[in-house]
């Protein structure tokens, strides 16, 4: 029987990047598609609009940051954590592979003097040490996660922090699976793989689970059913089954249909370890490039 240090959690992470037919999605490989995604997403945003649940996540993150700290943020996106961090930290460095993201942040923070921007993938970025290194929901395109984690550990002086929203899946999908027999696209990558990879590196990280809530709003039942059937693996399904599975969880009023989903954020953090370990680990790095996956 394999012990915990001989399980290849990085391979599990990599397998989870593939779609349900075993193929690597084009957006995972094609930087231009990723750039287009962010440009389109930002065009739909109200200036400085952030996600409501980010405030609760930041309450935990900010407990590690002082006004004297220089913070490096990986994958800032539309600024959920950039905006509040720059208000309390001495300096914030944003590293992102999307030019659209960095242009948006520059526009929002044009009068701010303590933020700088690096246009690069985290894997390739040339960065110096910072007091705090933070990345929230930014690892979805990172194939070699052990290297990404080692780099975080290497450039953090005081603390490295990872945030990742996680399950449970919306409850009507459980009904669709158990009552109606549909195969569901359950998540195949999660925070626990990151915790275990850190453990394999000899890093004993803290992990705090933060309960969160989000309510989805739809004007029509058609919009509700369309949006909340996307995780059914087959394109062939009975819409009545979806409607029946949603019924116990949806509130209808004059404003439309409202679906509240309870989920979590995992906040993983650790003090940097100067000599990470590969003891008892056996990893095989296949001789192929990411673009050929």
Protein backbone atom coordinates (compact mmCIF):
# COMPACT_ATOMS: atom_id res chain seq x y z
CA UNK A 1 0.00 0.00 0.00
CA UNK A 2 1.31 3.45 -0.91
CA UNK A 3 1.98 5.90 1.87
CA UNK A 4 0.90 9.54 1.70
CA UNK A 5 4.24 10.73 0.35
CA UNK A 6 4.29 8.36 -2.61
CA UNK A 7 0.90 9.30 -4.05
CA UNK A 8 1.39 11.54 -7.09
CA UNK A 9 -0.99 14.37 -6.27
CA UNK A 10 0.44 16.53 -9.03
CA UNK A 11 -0.59 13.94 -11.63
CA UNK A 12 -4.07 13.91 -10.11
CA UNK A 13 -4.17 17.69 -10.46
CA UNK A 14 -3.03 17.43 -14.09
CA UNK A 15 -5.60 14.78 -14.93
CA UNK A 16 -8.29 17.06 -13.51
CA UNK A 17 -7.37 19.74 -16.03
CA UNK A 18 -8.61 17.54 -18.88
CA UNK A 19 -12.23 17.63 -19.95
CA UNK A 20 -14.65 14.75 -19.46
CA UNK A 21 -13.55 13.22 -22.76
CA UNK A 22 -9.89 13.17 -21.73
CA UNK A 23 -8.84 16.17 -23.82
CA UNK A 24 -7.05 19.28 -22.64
CA UNK A 25 -9.42 22.23 -23.27
CA UNK A 26 -8.04 24.71 -25.78
CA UNK A 27 -8.27 27.60 -23.31
CA UNK A 28 -5.86 25.76 -21.03
CA UNK A 29 -3.26 25.69 -23.80
CA UNK A 30 -4.00 28.77 -25.91
CA UNK A 31 -2.99 32.06 -24.28
CA UNK A 32 -4.97 34.06 -26.84
CA UNK A 33 -8.19 32.33 -25.80
CA UNK A 34 -7.44 33.05 -22.14
CA UNK A 35 -6.80 36.69 -23.01
CA UNK A 36 -10.10 36.88 -24.93
CA UNK A 37 -11.95 35.39 -21.95
CA UNK A 38 -10.64 38.06 -19.57
CA UNK A 39 -11.18 40.91 -22.02
CA UNK A 40 -14.81 39.90 -22.52
CA UNK A 41 -15.34 39.37 -18.78
CA UNK A 42 -13.93 42.77 -17.88
CA UNK A 43 -16.04 44.51 -20.54
CA UNK A 44 -19.13 43.28 -18.68
CA UNK A 45 -17.89 44.57 -15.32
CA UNK A 46 -18.89 47.75 -13.56
CA UNK A 47 -15.72 49.66 -12.69
CA UNK A 48 -14.18 48.27 -9.47
CA UNK A 49 -16.99 45.70 -9.20
CA UNK A 50 -15.91 42.76 -7.05
CA UNK A 51 -17.50 39.52 -5.88
CA UNK A 52 -19.45 39.79 -2.63
CA UNK A 53 -17.92 36.67 -1.08
CA UNK A 54 -14.41 38.06 -1.62
CA UNK A 55 -14.88 40.40 1.33
CA UNK A 56 -15.12 37.49 3.76
CA UNK A 57 -12.10 35.78 2.23
CA UNK A 58 -10.09 38.99 2.47
CA UNK A 59 -10.92 39.35 6.16
CA UNK A 60 -8.76 36.28 6.73
CA UNK A 61 -6.03 37.25 4.27
CA UNK A 62 -5.63 40.73 5.73
CA UNK A 63 -4.87 39.31 9.16
CA UNK A 64 -1.44 38.33 7.75
CA UNK A 65 -0.70 41.73 6.16
CA UNK A 66 0.67 44.80 7.91
CA UNK A 67 1.16 48.33 6.62
CA UNK A 68 4.89 47.63 6.32
CA UNK A 69 4.51 44.58 4.10
CA UNK A 70 5.23 44.29 0.42
CA UNK A 71 2.71 41.90 -1.14
CA UNK A 72 2.93 39.93 -4.37
CA UNK A 73 -0.42 38.88 -5.82
CA UNK A 74 -0.63 36.08 -8.38
CA UNK A 75 -3.49 36.34 -10.88
CA UNK A 76 -5.36 39.39 -9.53
CA UNK A 77 -8.23 39.10 -12.02
CA UNK A 78 -10.65 42.00 -11.66
CA UNK A 79 -9.23 43.13 -8.35
CA UNK A 80 -11.22 41.26 -5.69
CA UNK A 81 -8.16 41.36 -3.42
CA UNK A 82 -5.96 43.91 -5.17
CA UNK A 83 -8.18 46.85 -4.24
CA UNK A 84 -8.35 46.17 -0.49
CA UNK A 85 -4.72 45.00 -0.32
CA UNK A 86 -3.30 48.17 -1.84
CA UNK A 87 -5.18 50.13 0.82
CA UNK A 88 -3.37 48.42 3.69
CA UNK A 89 -0.01 47.21 2.33
CA UNK A 90 3.14 49.19 1.70
CA UNK A 91 3.36 47.89 -1.87
CA UNK A 92 1.46 45.42 -4.05
CA UNK A 93 2.95 43.70 -7.09
CA UNK A 94 0.40 42.13 -9.46
CA UNK A 95 1.55 39.27 -11.69
CA UNK A 96 -0.88 38.23 -14.41
CA UNK A 97 -0.66 36.60 -17.83
CA UNK A 98 -3.53 38.75 -19.13
CA UNK A 99 -2.78 42.19 -20.52
CA UNK A 100 -6.49 43.01 -20.30
CA UNK A 101 -6.48 42.32 -16.55
CA UNK A 102 -3.48 44.54 -15.92
CA UNK A 103 -4.85 47.35 -18.12
CA UNK A 104 -8.10 47.23 -16.17
CA UNK A 105 -6.34 47.39 -12.81
CA UNK A 106 -4.15 50.27 -14.00
CA UNK A 107 -7.28 52.17 -15.02
CA UNK A 108 -8.97 51.53 -11.66
CA UNK A 109 -5.82 52.41 -9.68
CA UNK A 110 -4.40 55.19 -11.87
CA UNK A 111 -3.90 57.54 -8.90
CA UNK A 112 -2.36 54.83 -6.72
CA UNK A 113 1.40 54.91 -6.17
CA UNK A 114 1.99 51.63 -4.34
CA UNK A 115 0.98 49.13 -7.06
CA UNK A 116 3.15 47.78 -9.86
CA UNK A 117 2.35 45.30 -12.59
CA UNK A 118 4.18 42.36 -14.18
CA UNK A 119 2.77 40.90 -17.39
CA UNK A 120 3.81 37.25 -17.22
CA UNK A 121 2.66 33.80 -16.28
CA UNK A 122 3.56 32.95 -12.72
CA UNK A 123 5.71 30.11 -14.00
CA UNK A 124 7.83 32.54 -16.06
CA UNK A 125 7.69 35.73 -14.00
CA UNK A 126 10.97 37.21 -12.79
CA UNK A 127 10.13 38.38 -9.28
CA UNK A 128 12.09 39.28 -6.19
CA UNK A 129 11.18 38.31 -2.64
CA UNK A 130 8.11 39.88 -1.06
CA UNK A 131 6.92 39.73 2.52
CA UNK A 132 3.60 38.12 1.56
CA UNK A 133 2.70 36.11 -1.54
CA UNK A 134 -1.02 35.66 -2.26
CA UNK A 135 -2.96 33.78 -4.93
CA UNK A 136 -6.72 33.22 -4.89
CA UNK A 137 -8.46 31.05 -7.49
CA UNK A 138 -5.60 31.62 -9.91
CA UNK A 139 -4.07 28.17 -10.43
CA UNK A 140 -6.52 26.65 -12.91
CA UNK A 141 -4.09 26.81 -15.88
CA UNK A 142 -0.97 25.82 -13.94
CA UNK A 143 0.06 22.34 -15.01
CA UNK A 144 3.21 21.88 -12.94
CA UNK A 145 1.71 22.80 -9.59
CA UNK A 146 4.65 21.60 -7.51
CA UNK A 147 6.88 24.11 -9.28
CA UNK A 148 4.28 26.85 -8.81
CA UNK A 149 4.07 26.10 -5.09
CA UNK A 150 7.85 25.92 -4.69
CA UNK A 151 8.15 29.32 -6.35
CA UNK A 152 5.58 30.80 -3.97
CA UNK A 153 7.50 29.35 -1.05
CA UNK A 154 10.82 30.65 -2.37
CA UNK A 155 9.79 34.28 -2.88
CA UNK A 156 7.72 34.68 0.32
CA UNK A 157 9.61 36.15 3.27
CA UNK A 158 6.88 35.92 5.90
CA UNK A 159 3.82 34.12 4.56
CA UNK A 160 2.42 32.43 1.47
CA UNK A 161 -1.36 32.33 1.15
CA UNK A 162 -3.61 30.43 -1.24
CA UNK A 163 -7.36 30.85 -1.45
CA UNK A 164 -9.60 28.48 -3.35
CA UNK A 165 -13.38 28.32 -3.43
CA UNK A 166 -14.66 24.79 -3.17
CA UNK A 167 -17.78 22.62 -2.80
CA UNK A 168 -20.21 21.27 -2.12
CA UNK A 169 -21.73 21.33 -5.59
CA UNK A 170 -25.16 22.94 -5.95
CA UNK A 171 -27.52 20.49 -4.20
CA UNK A 172 -29.93 19.94 -7.11
CA UNK A 173 -27.10 18.19 -8.98
CA UNK A 174 -27.00 15.61 -6.21
CA UNK A 175 -30.73 15.05 -6.79
CA UNK A 176 -30.18 14.71 -10.52
CA UNK A 177 -27.47 12.13 -9.87
CA UNK A 178 -29.08 10.07 -7.12
CA UNK A 179 -32.76 10.29 -8.07
CA UNK A 180 -32.62 10.52 -11.86
CA UNK A 181 -29.30 8.80 -12.56
CA UNK A 182 -27.52 11.55 -14.49
CA UNK A 183 -23.75 11.69 -14.59
CA UNK A 184 -22.61 15.02 -13.18
CA UNK A 185 -19.43 17.02 -13.81
CA UNK A 186 -18.24 16.92 -10.23
CA UNK A 187 -15.05 18.92 -9.56
CA UNK A 188 -11.89 16.93 -10.18
CA UNK A 189 -9.40 19.47 -8.79
CA UNK A 190 -9.68 20.90 -5.32
CA UNK A 191 -7.84 22.53 -2.47
CA UNK A 192 -7.00 19.19 -0.84
CA UNK A 193 -4.63 18.33 -3.69
CA UNK A 194 -2.74 21.56 -3.01
CA UNK A 195 -2.56 20.81 0.72
CA UNK A 196 -1.19 17.36 -0.06
CA UNK A 197 1.37 18.68 -2.56
CA UNK A 198 2.61 21.11 0.06
CA UNK A 199 2.84 18.22 2.50
CA UNK A 200 4.93 16.32 -0.01
CA UNK A 201 7.26 19.31 -0.15
CA UNK A 202 7.69 19.19 3.62
CA UNK A 203 5.40 22.19 4.17
CA UNK A 204 2.80 21.75 6.90
CA UNK A 205 0.27 24.37 5.87
CA UNK A 206 -2.64 25.73 7.86
CA UNK A 207 -6.00 25.31 6.15
CA UNK A 208 -9.04 27.26 7.27
CA UNK A 209 -12.47 26.48 5.82
CA UNK A 210 -14.68 29.54 5.45
CA UNK A 211 -18.45 28.99 4.90
CA UNK A 212 -19.86 31.20 2.14
CA UNK A 213 -23.18 31.80 0.44
CA UNK A 214 -24.13 32.98 -3.03
CA UNK A 215 -27.58 33.61 -4.47
CA UNK A 216 -28.13 33.29 -8.21
CA UNK A 217 -30.94 35.43 -9.66
CA UNK A 218 -32.86 34.63 -12.84
CA UNK A 219 -35.69 36.55 -14.46
CA UNK A 220 -37.31 33.49 -16.02
CA UNK A 221 -37.56 29.77 -15.33
CA UNK A 222 -35.96 29.12 -18.70
CA UNK A 223 -32.86 31.05 -17.67
CA UNK A 224 -32.74 29.14 -14.37
CA UNK A 225 -32.97 25.73 -16.02
CA UNK A 226 -30.45 26.59 -18.73
CA UNK A 227 -27.89 27.89 -16.25
CA UNK A 228 -28.37 25.11 -13.72
CA UNK A 229 -28.11 22.18 -16.12
CA UNK A 230 -24.58 22.92 -17.38
CA UNK A 231 -22.96 20.36 -15.08
CA UNK A 232 -24.96 17.45 -16.48
CA UNK A 233 -22.43 15.40 -18.41
CA UNK A 234 -24.79 14.41 -21.24
CA UNK A 235 -26.43 16.87 -23.61
CA UNK A 236 -29.48 14.61 -23.60
CA UNK A 237 -31.55 15.17 -20.46
CA UNK A 238 -35.16 15.73 -19.49
CA UNK A 239 -35.71 19.39 -18.60
CA UNK A 240 -38.58 18.34 -16.34
CA UNK A 241 -36.06 16.41 -14.24
CA UNK A 242 -33.96 19.56 -13.86
CA UNK A 243 -37.04 21.56 -12.88
CA UNK A 244 -38.08 18.97 -10.31
CA UNK A 245 -34.59 18.77 -8.82
CA UNK A 246 -34.42 22.56 -8.48
CA UNK A 247 -37.84 23.01 -6.88
CA UNK A 248 -36.83 22.47 -3.21
CA UNK A 249 -33.96 24.96 -3.47
CA UNK A 250 -35.45 27.85 -5.47
CA UNK A 251 -37.50 30.79 -4.20
CA UNK A 252 -39.84 32.46 -6.70
CA UNK A 253 -41.23 35.97 -6.25
CA UNK A 254 -42.12 39.00 -8.37
CA UNK A 255 -38.43 39.58 -9.06
CA UNK A 256 -37.92 36.13 -10.59
CA UNK A 257 -36.18 32.99 -9.37
CA UNK A 258 -33.54 32.93 -6.64
CA UNK A 259 -31.23 30.01 -5.92
CA UNK A 260 -29.01 30.18 -2.83
CA UNK A 261 -25.91 27.98 -2.83
CA UNK A 262 -23.82 27.35 0.28
CA UNK A 263 -20.17 26.59 -0.38
CA UNK A 264 -16.71 27.14 1.14
CA UNK A 265 -13.41 28.83 0.62
CA UNK A 266 -10.23 27.08 1.70
CA UNK A 267 -7.57 29.51 2.95
CA UNK A 268 -4.22 27.69 2.89
CA UNK A 269 -1.23 29.48 4.37
CA UNK A 270 2.25 28.72 5.59
CA UNK A 271 5.50 30.23 6.76
CA UNK A 272 8.10 29.73 4.03
CA UNK A 273 10.31 26.69 4.35
CA UNK A 274 13.79 27.34 3.03
CA UNK A 275 14.58 23.75 2.09
CA UNK A 276 11.64 21.92 0.59
CA UNK A 277 11.82 18.15 0.55
CA UNK A 278 11.25 15.50 -2.08
CA UNK A 279 12.04 12.64 0.29
CA UNK A 280 10.06 9.48 -0.42
CA UNK A 281 8.56 11.02 -3.55
CA UNK A 282 8.69 9.42 -6.96
CA UNK A 283 7.57 11.67 -9.80
CA UNK A 284 7.84 10.97 -13.51
CA UNK A 285 8.01 14.04 -15.70
CA UNK A 286 7.07 12.89 -19.18
CA UNK A 287 9.15 14.25 -22.04
CA UNK A 288 6.40 16.22 -23.71
CA UNK A 289 5.51 19.88 -23.83
CA UNK A 290 2.36 21.38 -22.35
CA UNK A 291 1.21 22.42 -25.82
CA UNK A 292 1.10 18.77 -26.92
CA UNK A 293 -1.07 17.55 -24.05
